[in-house]
Amino acid sequence: MKIGLIRCPAFGPQWAPLNLALLASYLRQNKYEAQCFDFNIDLYDSASPEKRKEYWSMSNHHFWDNPDMNELINDEIIDGWVKKTIDAKIDIVGMSTYSSNYQITLIYIKKLIAIAPHIKVICGGPFCRTDHGTAQELLNTGIPSAVTVGEGEDTLLELLDVYRDTGEFKAIPGVLIKNEKGEIEEGGPRTAIKIRETEIYPDFEGFEFHKYDGHAVPILSSRSCIYNCAFCNERTYWGTYRSRDAKQVFTEMQSQALANNRTEFVFCDLAINGDLKMLDELCDLILASGIDYKWRGYMLIRKMPRDLILKMGEAGFLQHCVGIETASPAMLKKMNKNFKISMAEEMLKNLYDAGIETHTSWIVGYPGETHEHFMETVDFVKRNKKYMKRVNPANVLNIPPGSPIAINPEKYGVTEIIDSLHWSDGVTSPEEREERAKYFNDMFCADEFRTFEKVKF
């Protein structure tokens, strides 16, 4: 039985998809044949530089939400993906599903099973959530045979084992199916993977690294986050925060460097500094190896020893992005951000002294944000811009499904949610929020920052 693991556009073109590489590795370890297809990068690679900038811009998601508006997507393109899948003699496809590629994914799998009805379809990924009904929505299209929710490795493996042994998909933990009566059956939640006890190293076999804008190999040292920000749904998706052992991470860096002839890494953790002990040990291992690794990742504001930050710089950590979001103490509290402004300023200065580039992310128009709150953020950036290599464009708050705000909007002062981008708080209008974002971005952000960057490594 051969499994095809597939990502359709649109998604950032910087790096090979780590999720597919992890799933492929796990399936191969357990005697399944797996092949990965990144149709997103295939389309990106075939597009002109002008179309790449236009269609893969973060602000132009409407091209992918409404495929009829997308001149890059046509029958010839979809037919090519279907042919490639069939020619590879795939028995089951596992679709990596996001809000950004949901519509294109549906078009592809609908045509696939129309031409090759023997191929079974499993959908998984962040779009598939039971708390917002998107997993059920997918099943109700009548296209996928099963939908997985949450971490995929153990769920997908067990689901395939069940299908191999019985010829049917069943509602095991982490899986939704439709029974013979057309009713949705849910298998309930699955226990989170103990990543320190389960050695899963990604296998990038078949990925064409030269097609991606970035040259780094993606890697993961933890899952979930130590914070539970009100506007974020990552904790409800990933569950409890778990970090790997530093030796596991370093071993993976060594093996990937040999396999891919690259010593540059991008850490895809929600925050690489969630476990400071592990991070400290990893830096020691890198320094002791004498190898000139270069690495980058996301961080969060927290109390960190200055010596550790300086050690990170010595160990080749070059760049990070941190979501400060606001510099208003009142708004930080409403966001469930567990830090003080003085802590952010101290950390920014220490990172600057270590030679580590800092990119910052911001949210404006948060529920209850007044003009005075907003100006506290503006003043903070003016005061500390020296320490920021890049100030990313501020976004008006997007309320994703499964986030604390979406689950309990009244607690956070939200009186109405029409969709993730359209909501009311009785304090600011949508126009006021957009005006604040424009003011902030005109003051601090260059136009080139409004699209996916072509990263240095």
Protein backbone atom coordinates (compact mmCIF):
# COMPACT_ATOMS: atom_id res chain seq x y z
CA MET A 1 0.00 0.00 0.00
CA LYS A 2 1.53 3.29 -1.15
CA ILE A 3 0.72 6.58 0.54
CA GLY A 4 0.97 9.98 -1.15
CA LEU A 5 1.47 12.93 1.20
CA ILE A 6 0.42 16.11 -0.57
CA ARG A 7 0.41 19.87 -0.08
CA CYS A 8 -1.49 22.09 -2.52
CA PRO A 9 -0.99 25.85 -2.85
CA ALA A 10 -0.87 28.32 -1.37
CA PHE A 11 1.77 28.21 1.29
CA GLY A 12 4.99 30.09 1.95
CA PRO A 13 7.70 29.08 -0.54
CA GLN A 14 10.64 29.42 1.82
CA TRP A 15 11.30 25.83 2.91
CA ALA A 16 10.36 22.21 2.25
CA PRO A 17 7.29 21.11 4.25
CA LEU A 18 8.52 19.67 7.53
CA ASN A 19 5.14 18.09 8.34
CA LEU A 20 5.18 15.94 5.21
CA ALA A 21 8.80 14.93 5.81
CA LEU A 22 8.00 13.88 9.39
CA LEU A 23 4.93 11.85 8.36
CA ALA A 24 6.80 10.20 5.49
CA SER A 25 9.65 9.22 7.79
CA TYR A 26 7.29 7.76 10.40
CA LEU A 27 5.39 5.74 7.81
CA ARG A 28 8.59 4.42 6.23
CA GLN A 29 9.89 3.39 9.64
CA ASN A 30 6.69 1.36 10.01
CA LYS A 31 7.01 -0.39 6.63
CA TYR A 32 4.70 1.77 4.53
CA GLU A 33 5.79 3.16 1.19
CA ALA A 34 5.35 6.94 1.19
CA GLN A 35 5.93 9.60 -1.46
CA CYS A 36 5.64 13.36 -0.93
CA PHE A 37 4.26 15.85 -3.45
CA ASP A 38 4.62 19.59 -2.90
CA PHE A 39 2.35 20.99 -5.61
CA ASN A 40 2.66 24.39 -3.97
CA ILE A 41 6.36 24.70 -4.76
CA ASP A 42 5.88 23.17 -8.22
CA LEU A 43 3.41 25.93 -9.09
CA TYR A 44 5.55 28.61 -7.48
CA ASP A 45 8.63 27.42 -9.39
CA SER A 46 6.76 27.61 -12.71
CA ALA A 47 5.40 31.12 -12.08
CA SER A 48 7.07 34.33 -13.23
CA PRO A 49 8.75 36.56 -10.63
CA GLU A 50 5.87 39.02 -10.97
CA LYS A 51 3.25 36.33 -10.38
CA ARG A 52 5.20 34.92 -7.45
CA LYS A 53 5.19 38.31 -5.76
CA GLU A 54 1.52 38.89 -6.54
CA TYR A 55 0.03 35.49 -5.74
CA TRP A 56 2.18 34.45 -2.80
CA SER A 57 1.83 37.82 -1.09
CA MET A 58 0.43 37.46 2.41
CA SER A 59 -2.12 40.18 1.65
CA ASN A 60 -3.51 38.45 -1.45
CA HIS A 61 -5.01 35.32 0.07
CA HIS A 62 -8.26 36.05 -1.78
CA PHE A 63 -6.68 34.60 -4.92
CA TRP A 64 -6.65 31.20 -3.24
CA ASP A 65 -9.94 31.59 -1.36
CA ASN A 66 -11.66 32.25 -4.71
CA PRO A 67 -10.01 30.01 -7.32
CA ASP A 68 -12.06 31.58 -10.13
CA MET A 69 -10.03 34.76 -9.55
CA ASN A 70 -6.73 32.84 -9.78
CA GLU A 71 -5.28 32.75 -13.29
CA LEU A 72 -2.51 30.38 -12.17
CA ILE A 73 -5.01 27.61 -11.39
CA ASN A 74 -6.65 25.94 -14.38
CA ASP A 75 -7.71 22.48 -15.55
CA GLU A 76 -4.30 21.82 -17.10
CA ILE A 77 -2.52 22.44 -13.79
CA ILE A 78 -4.94 20.34 -11.73
CA ASP A 79 -4.90 17.56 -14.35
CA GLY A 80 -1.11 17.52 -14.16
CA TRP A 81 -1.21 17.00 -10.40
CA VAL A 82 -3.79 14.24 -10.77
CA LYS A 83 -1.72 12.49 -13.46
CA LYS A 84 1.42 12.68 -11.33
CA THR A 85 -0.46 11.10 -8.42
CA ILE A 86 -1.95 8.29 -10.51
CA ASP A 87 1.33 7.62 -12.33
CA ALA A 88 3.03 7.15 -8.94
CA LYS A 89 0.53 4.33 -8.24
CA ILE A 90 -0.70 5.94 -5.04
CA ASP A 91 -3.37 4.01 -3.10
CA ILE A 92 -4.17 6.60 -0.40
CA VAL A 93 -3.51 10.34 -0.39
CA GLY A 94 -3.00 12.28 2.81
CA MET A 95 -3.76 15.96 2.28
CA SER A 96 -2.04 18.68 4.32
CA THR A 97 -4.94 21.09 4.74
CA TYR A 98 -4.72 24.76 5.77
CA SER A 99 -7.15 27.64 5.45
CA SER A 100 -4.83 29.02 2.75
CA ASN A 101 -5.07 25.92 0.54
CA TYR A 102 -8.49 24.51 1.45
CA GLN A 103 -10.28 25.52 -1.75
CA ILE A 104 -7.51 24.32 -4.07
CA THR A 105 -7.25 21.08 -2.09
CA LEU A 106 -10.97 20.42 -2.63
CA ILE A 107 -10.66 21.02 -6.37
CA TYR A 108 -7.71 18.65 -6.63
CA ILE A 109 -9.13 15.75 -4.59
CA LYS A 110 -12.55 16.04 -6.24
CA LYS A 111 -10.97 15.62 -9.67
CA LEU A 112 -8.61 12.90 -8.40
CA ILE A 113 -11.36 10.59 -7.16
CA ALA A 114 -13.51 11.32 -10.22
CA ILE A 115 -10.74 9.92 -12.42
CA ALA A 116 -9.35 7.36 -9.98
CA PRO A 117 -12.13 6.38 -7.55
CA HIS A 118 -10.00 3.56 -6.12
CA ILE A 119 -7.73 6.14 -4.45
CA LYS A 120 -8.81 6.92 -0.89
CA VAL A 121 -8.48 10.42 0.57
CA ILE A 122 -7.51 11.37 4.13
CA CYS A 123 -7.42 15.05 5.10
CA GLY A 124 -5.49 16.40 8.06
CA GLY A 125 -3.63 19.53 9.12
CA PRO A 126 -4.46 22.73 11.02
CA PHE A 127 -7.63 23.41 9.03
CA CYS A 128 -9.18 20.22 10.38
CA ARG A 129 -10.71 21.16 13.73
CA THR A 130 -13.74 19.76 15.52
CA ASP A 131 -14.13 22.84 17.76
CA HIS A 132 -14.92 25.02 14.74
CA GLY A 133 -16.66 22.42 12.62
CA THR A 134 -14.13 22.48 9.78
CA ALA A 135 -13.33 18.78 10.13
CA GLN A 136 -17.04 18.01 9.89
CA GLU A 137 -17.35 20.44 6.97
CA LEU A 138 -14.69 18.52 5.07
CA LEU A 139 -16.41 15.18 5.65
CA ASN A 140 -19.73 16.62 4.54
CA THR A 141 -18.27 17.40 1.10
CA GLY A 142 -18.38 13.64 0.54
CA ILE A 143 -14.81 13.61 -0.79
CA PRO A 144 -12.46 12.42 2.00
CA SER A 145 -12.94 8.99 3.53
CA ALA A 146 -11.53 10.20 6.84
CA VAL A 147 -10.35 13.39 8.53
CA THR A 148 -7.61 13.46 11.16
CA VAL A 149 -7.44 16.07 13.91
CA GLY A 150 -4.30 17.16 15.77
CA GLU A 151 -0.85 15.57 15.57
CA GLY A 152 -0.72 13.20 12.66
CA GLU A 153 1.99 10.60 13.18
CA ASP A 154 0.34 8.05 15.48
CA THR A 155 -3.16 8.81 14.21
CA LEU A 156 -2.29 8.29 10.54
CA LEU A 157 -0.27 5.15 11.25
CA GLU A 158 -3.05 3.50 13.25
CA LEU A 159 -5.68 4.55 10.70
CA LEU A 160 -3.66 2.94 7.90
CA ASP A 161 -3.14 -0.21 9.96
CA VAL A 162 -6.89 -0.47 10.53
CA TYR A 163 -7.62 0.04 6.84
CA ARG A 164 -4.98 -2.52 5.82
CA ASP A 165 -6.43 -5.11 8.20
CA THR A 166 -10.16 -4.48 7.70
CA GLY A 167 -10.55 -2.63 4.40
CA GLU A 168 -12.37 0.16 6.25
CA PHE A 169 -11.54 3.45 7.91
CA LYS A 170 -12.75 3.65 11.49
CA ALA A 171 -13.27 6.40 14.05
CA ILE A 172 -10.19 5.75 16.17
CA PRO A 173 -8.84 8.52 18.46
CA GLY A 174 -8.01 11.60 16.38
CA VAL A 175 -10.19 10.53 13.42
CA LEU A 176 -13.63 11.41 12.06
CA ILE A 177 -15.48 9.30 9.48
CA LYS A 178 -18.98 8.96 8.08
CA ASN A 179 -20.73 5.68 8.81
CA GLU A 180 -23.09 3.78 6.51
CA LYS A 181 -26.01 5.91 7.70
CA GLY A 182 -24.20 9.08 6.68
CA GLU A 183 -23.65 10.08 10.31
CA ILE A 184 -20.34 11.54 11.44
CA GLU A 185 -18.50 9.40 13.98
CA GLU A 186 -15.74 10.97 16.07
CA GLY A 187 -13.05 8.90 17.73
CA GLY A 188 -12.31 11.54 20.34
CA PRO A 189 -8.97 13.15 21.16
CA ARG A 190 -5.65 11.32 20.95
CA THR A 191 -2.97 11.47 23.62
CA ALA A 192 -0.15 13.82 22.65
CA ILE A 193 3.05 12.23 21.37
CA LYS A 194 5.85 12.00 23.92
CA ILE A 195 8.47 13.47 21.65
CA ARG A 196 11.40 12.78 24.00
CA GLU A 197 10.57 9.08 23.87
CA THR A 198 9.70 8.90 20.17
CA GLU A 199 12.60 9.55 17.82
CA ILE A 200 11.04 10.84 14.61
CA TYR A 201 13.55 12.42 12.25
CA PRO A 202 12.16 14.00 9.06
CA ASP A 203 13.00 12.38 5.73
CA PHE A 204 13.26 14.92 2.89
CA GLU A 205 13.71 12.30 0.18
CA GLY A 206 12.27 13.54 -3.10
CA PHE A 207 12.07 17.23 -2.19
CA GLU A 208 13.78 19.56 -4.65
CA PHE A 209 15.47 22.00 -2.31
CA HIS A 210 16.63 24.26 -5.15
CA LYS A 211 13.02 25.29 -5.84
CA TYR A 212 12.55 26.89 -2.42
CA ASP A 213 13.48 30.50 -1.72
CA GLY A 214 15.30 29.63 1.48
CA HIS A 215 18.30 27.33 1.72
CA ALA A 216 17.72 26.14 5.28
CA VAL A 217 16.57 22.71 6.42
CA PRO A 218 13.47 22.97 8.67
CA ILE A 219 13.69 21.37 12.10
CA LEU A 220 11.51 21.16 15.22
CA SER A 221 12.73 21.04 18.82
CA SER A 222 9.35 21.36 20.58
CA ARG A 223 5.61 21.24 20.08
CA SER A 224 2.99 23.68 21.36
CA CYS A 225 3.80 26.77 23.44
CA ILE A 226 4.38 27.69 27.07
CA TYR A 227 2.03 30.68 26.63
CA ASN A 228 -1.69 30.61 25.83
CA CYS A 229 -2.27 33.95 24.11
CA ALA A 230 -5.93 34.85 23.80
CA PHE A 231 -5.75 35.42 20.03
CA CYS A 232 -3.88 32.19 19.21
CA ASN A 233 -5.25 28.68 18.64
CA GLU A 234 -1.96 26.78 18.66
CA ARG A 235 -2.34 25.52 22.24
CA THR A 236 -5.77 24.07 21.53
CA TYR A 237 -4.32 22.34 18.45
CA TRP A 238 -1.02 21.03 19.87
CA GLY A 239 -1.99 20.54 23.49
CA THR A 240 0.59 20.53 26.28
CA TYR A 241 4.01 22.01 25.59
CA ARG A 242 6.70 19.37 25.04
CA SER A 243 10.36 19.77 24.16
CA ARG A 244 12.85 17.30 22.76
CA ASP A 245 16.16 16.38 24.33
CA ALA A 246 19.02 18.61 23.15
CA LYS A 247 21.01 15.57 22.03
CA GLN A 248 18.10 14.45 19.83
CA VAL A 249 17.94 17.87 18.18
CA PHE A 250 21.70 18.06 17.65
CA THR A 251 21.81 14.53 16.22
CA GLU A 252 19.13 15.56 13.75
CA MET A 253 21.12 18.64 12.76
CA GLN A 254 24.18 16.47 12.12
CA SER A 255 22.30 13.89 10.06
CA GLN A 256 20.40 16.46 8.00
CA ALA A 257 23.61 18.37 7.31
CA LEU A 258 25.14 15.20 5.89
CA ALA A 259 22.03 14.08 3.99
CA ASN A 260 21.30 17.47 2.40
CA ASN A 261 24.77 19.05 2.31
CA ARG A 262 23.50 22.05 4.27
CA THR A 263 24.48 23.52 7.62
CA GLU A 264 21.67 26.12 7.75
CA PHE A 265 18.54 25.37 9.78
CA VAL A 266 15.24 27.06 10.45
CA PHE A 267 13.51 26.03 13.67
CA CYS A 268 9.76 25.78 13.14
CA ASP A 269 8.92 25.78 16.85
CA LEU A 270 6.29 28.23 18.00
CA ALA A 271 9.06 29.48 20.32
CA ILE A 272 12.58 28.12 20.38
CA ASN A 273 13.10 29.52 23.89
CA GLY A 274 10.24 27.63 25.52
CA ASP A 275 12.70 25.30 27.28
CA LEU A 276 15.76 27.30 28.31
CA LYS A 277 17.62 24.29 29.72
CA MET A 278 17.32 22.42 26.42
CA LEU A 279 18.32 25.53 24.49
CA ASP A 280 21.39 26.04 26.66
CA GLU A 281 22.45 22.40 26.20
CA LEU A 282 21.93 22.62 22.44
CA CYS A 283 24.19 25.66 22.23
CA ASP A 284 26.88 23.78 24.19
CA LEU A 285 26.66 20.82 21.79
CA ILE A 286 26.93 23.07 18.73
CA LEU A 287 29.89 24.98 20.15
CA ALA A 288 31.68 21.77 21.18
CA SER A 289 31.26 20.33 17.67
CA GLY A 290 33.22 23.14 16.06
CA ILE A 291 30.83 23.09 13.09
CA ASP A 292 29.68 26.44 11.75
CA TYR A 293 25.92 25.85 11.93
CA LYS A 294 23.65 28.80 11.13
CA TRP A 295 20.13 28.73 12.54
CA ARG A 296 17.09 30.89 13.08
CA GLY A 297 13.61 30.58 14.56
CA TYR A 298 10.77 32.16 16.49
CA MET A 299 11.07 33.32 20.08
CA LEU A 300 8.78 34.73 22.73
CA ILE A 301 9.45 37.47 25.25
CA ARG A 302 10.38 35.96 28.60
CA LYS A 303 13.02 36.30 31.28
CA MET A 304 16.23 34.96 29.73
CA PRO A 305 19.76 35.08 31.14
CA ARG A 306 21.91 37.49 29.18
CA ASP A 307 24.68 34.87 29.11
CA LEU A 308 22.41 32.40 27.31
CA ILE A 309 21.48 34.96 24.65
CA LEU A 310 25.14 35.76 24.08
CA LYS A 311 25.89 32.02 23.87
CA MET A 312 23.17 31.61 21.23
CA GLY A 313 24.93 34.21 19.10
CA GLU A 314 28.25 32.42 19.52
CA ALA A 315 26.60 29.12 18.51
CA GLY A 316 25.41 30.54 15.18
CA PHE A 317 21.86 31.70 15.99
CA LEU A 318 21.54 34.59 13.57
CA GLN A 319 17.94 35.73 13.40
CA HIS A 320 14.57 35.41 15.09
CA CYS A 321 11.05 36.74 14.90
CA VAL A 322 9.20 37.62 18.09
CA GLY A 323 5.55 38.50 18.51
CA ILE A 324 5.56 41.42 20.94
CA GLU A 325 2.14 42.42 19.51
CA THR A 326 1.58 45.45 21.77
CA ALA A 327 3.49 47.65 24.19
CA SER A 328 0.43 48.59 26.21
CA PRO A 329 0.47 46.89 29.65
CA ALA A 330 -3.33 46.87 29.66
CA MET A 331 -3.48 45.15 26.25
CA LEU A 332 -0.73 42.67 27.20
CA LYS A 333 -2.87 41.58 30.12
CA LYS A 334 -5.94 41.18 27.90
CA MET A 335 -3.87 39.13 25.45
CA ASN A 336 -2.67 36.77 28.21
CA LYS A 337 0.91 37.81 27.43
CA ASN A 338 3.00 36.89 30.45
CA PHE A 339 5.67 39.57 30.31
CA LYS A 340 6.29 43.18 31.21
CA ILE A 341 7.41 45.92 28.83
CA SER A 342 10.71 46.28 30.69
CA MET A 343 11.38 42.58 30.04
CA ALA A 344 10.86 43.09 26.30
CA GLU A 345 13.23 46.05 26.21
CA GLU A 346 15.91 44.15 28.12
CA MET A 347 15.64 41.12 25.82
CA LEU A 348 15.79 43.24 22.65
CA LYS A 349 18.98 44.93 23.85
CA ASN A 350 20.63 41.65 24.81
CA LEU A 351 19.80 40.10 21.44
CA TYR A 352 21.23 43.16 19.71
CA ASP A 353 24.44 42.88 21.75
CA ALA A 354 24.69 39.20 20.77
CA GLY A 355 24.56 40.11 17.08
CA ILE A 356 21.19 38.38 16.61
CA GLU A 357 18.76 40.02 14.19
CA THR A 358 15.33 40.71 15.64
CA HIS A 359 12.16 40.88 13.57
CA THR A 360 9.06 41.95 15.50
CA SER A 361 5.36 41.27 14.91
CA TRP A 362 2.46 43.50 16.00
CA ILE A 363 -1.31 43.50 16.38
CA VAL A 364 -3.38 46.68 16.34
CA GLY A 365 -7.06 47.16 17.02
CA TYR A 366 -7.18 44.51 19.72
CA PRO A 367 -10.55 44.40 21.55
CA GLY A 368 -10.68 47.32 23.95
CA GLU A 369 -7.63 49.06 22.49
CA THR A 370 -7.95 52.85 22.78
CA HIS A 371 -5.93 55.47 20.96
CA GLU A 372 -3.77 55.84 24.08
CA HIS A 373 -3.02 52.10 24.14
CA PHE A 374 -2.08 52.21 20.48
CA MET A 375 0.27 55.14 20.97
CA GLU A 376 2.06 53.24 23.75
CA THR A 377 3.01 50.70 21.08
CA VAL A 378 4.08 53.41 18.64
CA ASP A 379 6.24 55.09 21.29
CA PHE A 380 7.83 51.74 22.23
CA VAL A 381 8.85 51.04 18.64
CA LYS A 382 10.27 54.55 18.25
CA ARG A 383 12.23 54.07 21.46
CA ASN A 384 13.61 50.64 20.58
CA LYS A 385 13.76 50.58 16.80
CA LYS A 386 17.55 50.56 16.95
CA TYR A 387 17.39 47.00 18.27
CA MET A 388 15.00 45.72 15.58
CA LYS A 389 16.35 44.69 12.22
CA ARG A 390 12.82 44.60 10.90
CA VAL A 391 9.45 45.84 12.11
CA ASN A 392 6.92 43.61 10.39
CA PRO A 393 3.68 45.24 9.23
CA ALA A 394 1.06 45.36 11.97
CA ASN A 395 -2.06 43.29 11.45
CA VAL A 396 -5.57 44.05 12.58
CA LEU A 397 -6.61 41.28 14.94
CA ASN A 398 -7.71 38.07 13.23
CA ILE A 399 -9.70 35.83 15.59
CA PRO A 400 -8.90 32.25 14.58
CA PRO A 401 -11.22 29.37 15.46
CA GLY A 402 -10.24 27.54 18.62
CA SER A 403 -8.51 30.56 20.16
CA PRO A 404 -9.54 31.65 23.68
CA ILE A 405 -11.23 34.75 22.21
CA ALA A 406 -13.24 32.65 19.76
CA ILE A 407 -14.25 30.22 22.50
CA ASN A 408 -15.22 32.89 25.02
CA PRO A 409 -15.56 36.23 23.21
CA GLU A 410 -17.47 38.01 25.99
CA LYS A 411 -14.56 37.53 28.37
CA TYR A 412 -12.35 39.54 26.02
CA GLY A 413 -14.86 42.28 25.24
CA VAL A 414 -15.95 40.99 21.83
CA THR A 415 -19.65 41.51 21.29
CA GLU A 416 -19.99 39.89 17.87
CA ILE A 417 -17.91 37.64 15.59
CA ILE A 418 -19.07 37.47 11.97
CA ASP A 419 -15.90 35.72 10.85
CA SER A 420 -12.25 35.77 11.90
CA LEU A 421 -11.62 39.16 10.28
CA HIS A 422 -14.94 40.85 11.04
CA TRP A 423 -15.91 41.37 14.67
CA SER A 424 -17.13 44.09 17.03
CA ASP A 425 -16.04 45.27 20.47
CA GLY A 426 -18.02 48.50 20.86
CA VAL A 427 -14.77 50.49 21.16
CA THR A 428 -13.32 50.77 17.66
CA SER A 429 -14.78 50.41 14.20
CA PRO A 430 -13.14 48.32 11.46
CA GLU A 431 -12.17 51.57 9.77
CA GLU A 432 -10.38 52.83 12.88
CA ARG A 433 -8.44 49.57 13.18
CA GLU A 434 -7.36 49.77 9.55
CA GLU A 435 -6.33 53.40 10.02
CA ARG A 436 -4.13 52.42 12.97
CA ALA A 437 -2.52 49.63 10.96
CA LYS A 438 -1.83 52.04 8.09
CA TYR A 439 -0.40 54.66 10.43
CA PHE A 440 1.90 52.11 12.05
CA ASN A 441 3.00 50.51 8.78
CA ASP A 442 3.62 53.81 7.00
CA MET A 443 5.78 54.90 9.90
CA PHE A 444 7.84 51.75 10.46
CA CYS A 445 7.53 49.31 7.54
CA ALA A 446 8.85 49.32 3.99
CA ASP A 447 6.69 48.02 1.14
CA GLU A 448 9.06 45.11 0.49
CA PHE A 449 8.18 43.68 3.90
CA ARG A 450 4.57 43.16 2.89
CA THR A 451 5.33 39.99 0.92
CA PHE A 452 7.02 36.72 1.79
CA GLU A 453 10.68 37.59 2.14
CA LYS A 454 13.39 35.84 0.18
CA VAL A 455 15.38 34.71 3.17
CA LYS A 456 19.15 34.69 3.34
CA PHE A 457 19.35 31.00 4.16
